[in-house]
Amino acid sequence: MLTAAYYMLRDDKDYHELGGRYLDDRDKHRITQRLLRRLHDLGVEVEVKAA
């Protein structure tokens, strides 16, 4: 919360909610790689094709 307040004061901007999917939409490749690695660790082999 302090970080948000700092940037709001520094940049003289109002607060606005980014939404629940902000981080998911921001870095899809990184999330995909993390989930694929997790599946591999669980012993599941998958083939990925872009939708």
PDB file of N, CA and C in Angstrom:
ATOM      1  N   MET A   1       0.818  -1.175   0.000  1.00  0.00           N
ATOM      2  CA  MET A   1       0.000   0.000   0.000  1.00  0.00           C
ATOM      3  C   MET A   1       0.875   1.256   0.000  1.00  0.00           C
ATOM      4  N   LEU A   2       1.958   1.211   0.739  1.00  0.00           N
ATOM      5  CA  LEU A   2       2.861   2.363   0.758  1.00  0.00           C
ATOM      6  C   LEU A   2       3.497   2.598  -0.608  1.00  0.00           C
ATOM      7  N   THR A   3       3.781   1.525  -1.310  1.00  0.00           N
ATOM      8  CA  THR A   3       4.360   1.653  -2.642  1.00  0.00           C
ATOM      9  C   THR A   3       3.388   2.358  -3.580  1.00  0.00           C
ATOM     10  N   ALA A   4       2.125   1.970  -3.525  1.00  0.00           N
ATOM     11  CA  ALA A   4       1.115   2.605  -4.371  1.00  0.00           C
ATOM     12  C   ALA A   4       1.004   4.089  -4.022  1.00  0.00           C
ATOM     13  N   ALA A   5       0.985   4.394  -2.739  1.00  0.00           N
ATOM     14  CA  ALA A   5       0.890   5.796  -2.312  1.00  0.00           C
ATOM     15  C   ALA A   5       2.108   6.584  -2.794  1.00  0.00           C
ATOM     16  N   TYR A   6       3.279   5.989  -2.705  1.00  0.00           N
ATOM     17  CA  TYR A   6       4.505   6.660  -3.152  1.00  0.00           C
ATOM     18  C   TYR A   6       4.403   7.061  -4.627  1.00  0.00           C
ATOM     19  N   TYR A   7       4.019   6.114  -5.484  1.00  0.00           N
ATOM     20  CA  TYR A   7       3.946   6.401  -6.914  1.00  0.00           C
ATOM     21  C   TYR A   7       2.820   7.384  -7.244  1.00  0.00           C
ATOM     22  N   MET A   8       1.731   7.315  -6.513  1.00  0.00           N
ATOM     23  CA  MET A   8       0.643   8.263  -6.730  1.00  0.00           C
ATOM     24  C   MET A   8       1.107   9.679  -6.401  1.00  0.00           C
ATOM     25  N   LEU A   9       1.826   9.840  -5.301  1.00  0.00           N
ATOM     26  CA  LEU A   9       2.327  11.159  -4.911  1.00  0.00           C
ATOM     27  C   LEU A   9       3.444  11.620  -5.842  1.00  0.00           C
ATOM     28  N   ARG A  10       4.338  10.718  -6.186  1.00  0.00           N
ATOM     29  CA  ARG A  10       5.465  11.071  -7.052  1.00  0.00           C
ATOM     30  C   ARG A  10       4.995  11.532  -8.421  1.00  0.00           C
ATOM     31  N   ASP A  11       4.050  10.800  -9.000  1.00  0.00           N
ATOM     32  CA  ASP A  11       3.602  11.077 -10.361  1.00  0.00           C
ATOM     33  C   ASP A  11       2.372  11.975 -10.417  1.00  0.00           C
ATOM     34  N   ASP A  12       1.846  12.354  -9.259  1.00  0.00           N
ATOM     35  CA  ASP A  12       0.655  13.190  -9.153  1.00  0.00           C
ATOM     36  C   ASP A  12      -0.501  12.601  -9.966  1.00  0.00           C
ATOM     37  N   LYS A  13      -0.791  11.319  -9.709  1.00  0.00           N
ATOM     38  CA  LYS A  13      -1.859  10.606 -10.412  1.00  0.00           C
ATOM     39  C   LYS A  13      -2.856  10.062  -9.403  1.00  0.00           C
ATOM     40  N   ASP A  14      -4.092   9.899  -9.856  1.00  0.00           N
ATOM     41  CA  ASP A  14      -5.118   9.273  -9.036  1.00  0.00           C
ATOM     42  C   ASP A  14      -4.953   7.764  -9.079  1.00  0.00           C
ATOM     43  N   TYR A  15      -5.451   7.099  -8.045  1.00  0.00           N
ATOM     44  CA  TYR A  15      -5.413   5.644  -7.991  1.00  0.00           C
ATOM     45  C   TYR A  15      -6.454   5.070  -8.954  1.00  0.00           C
ATOM     46  N   HIS A  16      -6.093   4.028  -9.660  1.00  0.00           N
ATOM     47  CA  HIS A  16      -7.067   3.266 -10.444  1.00  0.00           C
ATOM     48  C   HIS A  16      -6.723   1.786 -10.344  1.00  0.00           C
ATOM     49  N   GLU A  17      -7.750   0.984 -10.212  1.00  0.00           N
ATOM     50  CA  GLU A  17      -7.596  -0.454 -10.054  1.00  0.00           C
ATOM     51  C   GLU A  17      -7.187  -1.075 -11.385  1.00  0.00           C
ATOM     52  N   LEU A  18      -6.165  -1.919 -11.363  1.00  0.00           N
ATOM     53  CA  LEU A  18      -5.681  -2.539 -12.590  1.00  0.00           C
ATOM     54  C   LEU A  18      -6.491  -3.771 -12.972  1.00  0.00           C
ATOM     55  N   GLY A  19      -7.157  -4.371 -12.031  1.00  0.00           N
ATOM     56  CA  GLY A  19      -7.983  -5.536 -12.311  1.00  0.00           C
ATOM     57  C   GLY A  19      -7.293  -6.819 -11.888  1.00  0.00           C
ATOM     58  N   GLY A  20      -8.076  -7.838 -11.718  1.00  0.00           N
ATOM     59  CA  GLY A  20      -7.582  -9.114 -11.231  1.00  0.00           C
ATOM     60  C   GLY A  20      -6.694  -9.866 -12.205  1.00  0.00           C
ATOM     61  N   ARG A  21      -6.812  -9.581 -13.483  1.00  0.00           N
ATOM     62  CA  ARG A  21      -6.031 -10.298 -14.491  1.00  0.00           C
ATOM     63  C   ARG A  21      -4.821  -9.511 -14.975  1.00  0.00           C
ATOM     64  N   TYR A  22      -4.522  -8.400 -14.342  1.00  0.00           N
ATOM     65  CA  TYR A  22      -3.440  -7.531 -14.811  1.00  0.00           C
ATOM     66  C   TYR A  22      -2.114  -8.285 -14.928  1.00  0.00           C
ATOM     67  N   LEU A  23      -1.719  -8.987 -13.875  1.00  0.00           N
ATOM     68  CA  LEU A  23      -0.426  -9.676 -13.906  1.00  0.00           C
ATOM     69  C   LEU A  23      -0.448 -10.869 -14.858  1.00  0.00           C
ATOM     70  N   ASP A  24      -1.595 -11.537 -14.982  1.00  0.00           N
ATOM     71  CA  ASP A  24      -1.700 -12.657 -15.925  1.00  0.00           C
ATOM     72  C   ASP A  24      -1.539 -12.173 -17.357  1.00  0.00           C
ATOM     73  N   ASP A  25      -2.173 -11.084 -17.694  1.00  0.00           N
ATOM     74  CA  ASP A  25      -2.106 -10.559 -19.058  1.00  0.00           C
ATOM     75  C   ASP A  25      -0.757  -9.922 -19.358  1.00  0.00           C
ATOM     76  N   ARG A  26      -0.079  -9.455 -18.329  1.00  0.00           N
ATOM     77  CA  ARG A  26       1.176  -8.731 -18.500  1.00  0.00           C
ATOM     78  C   ARG A  26       2.315  -9.643 -18.946  1.00  0.00           C
ATOM     79  N   ASP A  27       2.363 -10.855 -18.441  1.00  0.00           N
ATOM     80  CA  ASP A  27       3.500 -11.726 -18.721  1.00  0.00           C
ATOM     81  C   ASP A  27       3.060 -13.167 -18.990  1.00  0.00           C
ATOM     82  N   LYS A  28       2.327 -13.366 -20.069  1.00  0.00           N
ATOM     83  CA  LYS A  28       1.777 -14.682 -20.390  1.00  0.00           C
ATOM     84  C   LYS A  28       2.867 -15.730 -20.640  1.00  0.00           C
ATOM     85  N   HIS A  29       3.939 -15.336 -21.317  1.00  0.00           N
ATOM     86  CA  HIS A  29       5.003 -16.299 -21.620  1.00  0.00           C
ATOM     87  C   HIS A  29       5.625 -16.837 -20.336  1.00  0.00           C
ATOM     88  N   ARG A  30       5.912 -15.981 -19.401  1.00  0.00           N
ATOM     89  CA  ARG A  30       6.528 -16.405 -18.145  1.00  0.00           C
ATOM     90  C   ARG A  30       5.609 -17.327 -17.349  1.00  0.00           C
ATOM     91  N   ILE A  31       4.328 -17.015 -17.320  1.00  0.00           N
ATOM     92  CA  ILE A  31       3.359 -17.861 -16.621  1.00  0.00           C
ATOM     93  C   ILE A  31       3.261 -19.215 -17.307  1.00  0.00           C
ATOM     94  N   THR A  32       3.233 -19.215 -18.639  1.00  0.00           N
ATOM     95  CA  THR A  32       3.164 -20.470 -19.387  1.00  0.00           C
ATOM     96  C   THR A  32       4.365 -21.351 -19.072  1.00  0.00           C
ATOM     97  N   GLN A  33       5.558 -20.774 -19.074  1.00  0.00           N
ATOM     98  CA  GLN A  33       6.766 -21.538 -18.786  1.00  0.00           C
ATOM     99  C   GLN A  33       6.752 -22.099 -17.372  1.00  0.00           C
ATOM    100  N   ARG A  34       6.285 -21.306 -16.418  1.00  0.00           N
ATOM    101  CA  ARG A  34       6.230 -21.765 -15.024  1.00  0.00           C
ATOM    102  C   ARG A  34       5.270 -22.939 -14.885  1.00  0.00           C
ATOM    103  N   LEU A  35       4.102 -22.858 -15.535  1.00  0.00           N
ATOM    104  CA  LEU A  35       3.123 -23.933 -15.442  1.00  0.00           C
ATOM    105  C   LEU A  35       3.591 -25.190 -16.160  1.00  0.00           C
ATOM    106  N   LEU A  36       4.267 -25.024 -17.308  1.00  0.00           N
ATOM    107  CA  LEU A  36       4.821 -26.187 -18.008  1.00  0.00           C
ATOM    108  C   LEU A  36       5.888 -26.878 -17.174  1.00  0.00           C
ATOM    109  N   ARG A  37       6.729 -26.102 -16.514  1.00  0.00           N
ATOM    110  CA  ARG A  37       7.762 -26.664 -15.639  1.00  0.00           C
ATOM    111  C   ARG A  37       7.119 -27.420 -14.470  1.00  0.00           C
ATOM    112  N   ARG A  38       6.024 -26.870 -13.941  1.00  0.00           N
ATOM    113  CA  ARG A  38       5.312 -27.518 -12.840  1.00  0.00           C
ATOM    114  C   ARG A  38       4.726 -28.853 -13.295  1.00  0.00           C
ATOM    115  N   LEU A  39       4.120 -28.878 -14.473  1.00  0.00           N
ATOM    116  CA  LEU A  39       3.587 -30.128 -15.004  1.00  0.00           C
ATOM    117  C   LEU A  39       4.692 -31.153 -15.201  1.00  0.00           C
ATOM    118  N   HIS A  40       5.826 -30.717 -15.731  1.00  0.00           N
ATOM    119  CA  HIS A  40       6.961 -31.617 -15.930  1.00  0.00           C
ATOM    120  C   HIS A  40       7.424 -32.200 -14.597  1.00  0.00           C
ATOM    121  N   ASP A  41       7.485 -31.370 -13.574  1.00  0.00           N
ATOM    122  CA  ASP A  41       7.891 -31.823 -12.244  1.00  0.00           C
ATOM    123  C   ASP A  41       6.915 -32.844 -11.667  1.00  0.00           C
ATOM    124  N   LEU A  42       5.647 -32.767 -12.104  1.00  0.00           N
ATOM    125  CA  LEU A  42       4.641 -33.711 -11.637  1.00  0.00           C
ATOM    126  C   LEU A  42       4.619 -34.989 -12.479  1.00  0.00           C
ATOM    127  N   GLY A  43       5.475 -35.036 -13.494  1.00  0.00           N
ATOM    128  CA  GLY A  43       5.570 -36.226 -14.310  1.00  0.00           C
ATOM    129  C   GLY A  43       4.632 -36.256 -15.510  1.00  0.00           C
ATOM    130  N   VAL A  44       4.156 -35.107 -15.916  1.00  0.00           N
ATOM    131  CA  VAL A  44       3.234 -35.019 -17.045  1.00  0.00           C
ATOM    132  C   VAL A  44       3.967 -34.426 -18.226  1.00  0.00           C
ATOM    133  N   GLU A  45       3.874 -35.099 -19.379  1.00  0.00           N
ATOM    134  CA  GLU A  45       4.486 -34.579 -20.592  1.00  0.00           C
ATOM    135  C   GLU A  45       3.385 -33.977 -21.458  1.00  0.00           C
ATOM    136  N   VAL A  46       3.559 -32.741 -21.878  1.00  0.00           N
ATOM    137  CA  VAL A  46       2.540 -32.050 -22.665  1.00  0.00           C
ATOM    138  C   VAL A  46       3.154 -31.440 -23.907  1.00  0.00           C
ATOM    139  N   GLU A  47       2.319 -31.265 -24.917  1.00  0.00           N
ATOM    140  CA  GLU A  47       2.703 -30.559 -26.129  1.00  0.00           C
ATOM    141  C   GLU A  47       1.840 -29.306 -26.203  1.00  0.00           C
ATOM    142  N   VAL A  48       2.463 -28.170 -26.427  1.00  0.00           N
ATOM    143  CA  VAL A  48       1.739 -26.899 -26.405  1.00  0.00           C
ATOM    144  C   VAL A  48       1.640 -26.331 -27.806  1.00  0.00           C
ATOM    145  N   LYS A  49       0.434 -25.906 -28.155  1.00  0.00           N
ATOM    146  CA  LYS A  49       0.194 -25.229 -29.433  1.00  0.00           C
ATOM    147  C   LYS A  49      -0.515 -23.920 -29.114  1.00  0.00           C
ATOM    148  N   ALA A  50      -0.126 -22.870 -29.804  1.00  0.00           N
ATOM    149  CA  ALA A  50      -0.771 -21.574 -29.600  1.00  0.00           C
ATOM    150  C   ALA A  50      -2.197 -21.617 -30.113  1.00  0.00           C
ATOM    151  N   ALA A  51      -3.069 -20.981 -29.377  1.00  0.00           N
ATOM    152  CA  ALA A  51      -4.496 -20.950 -29.756  1.00  0.00           C
ATOM    153  C   ALA A  51      -4.761 -19.827 -30.724  1.00  0.00           C
TER     154      ALA A  51
END
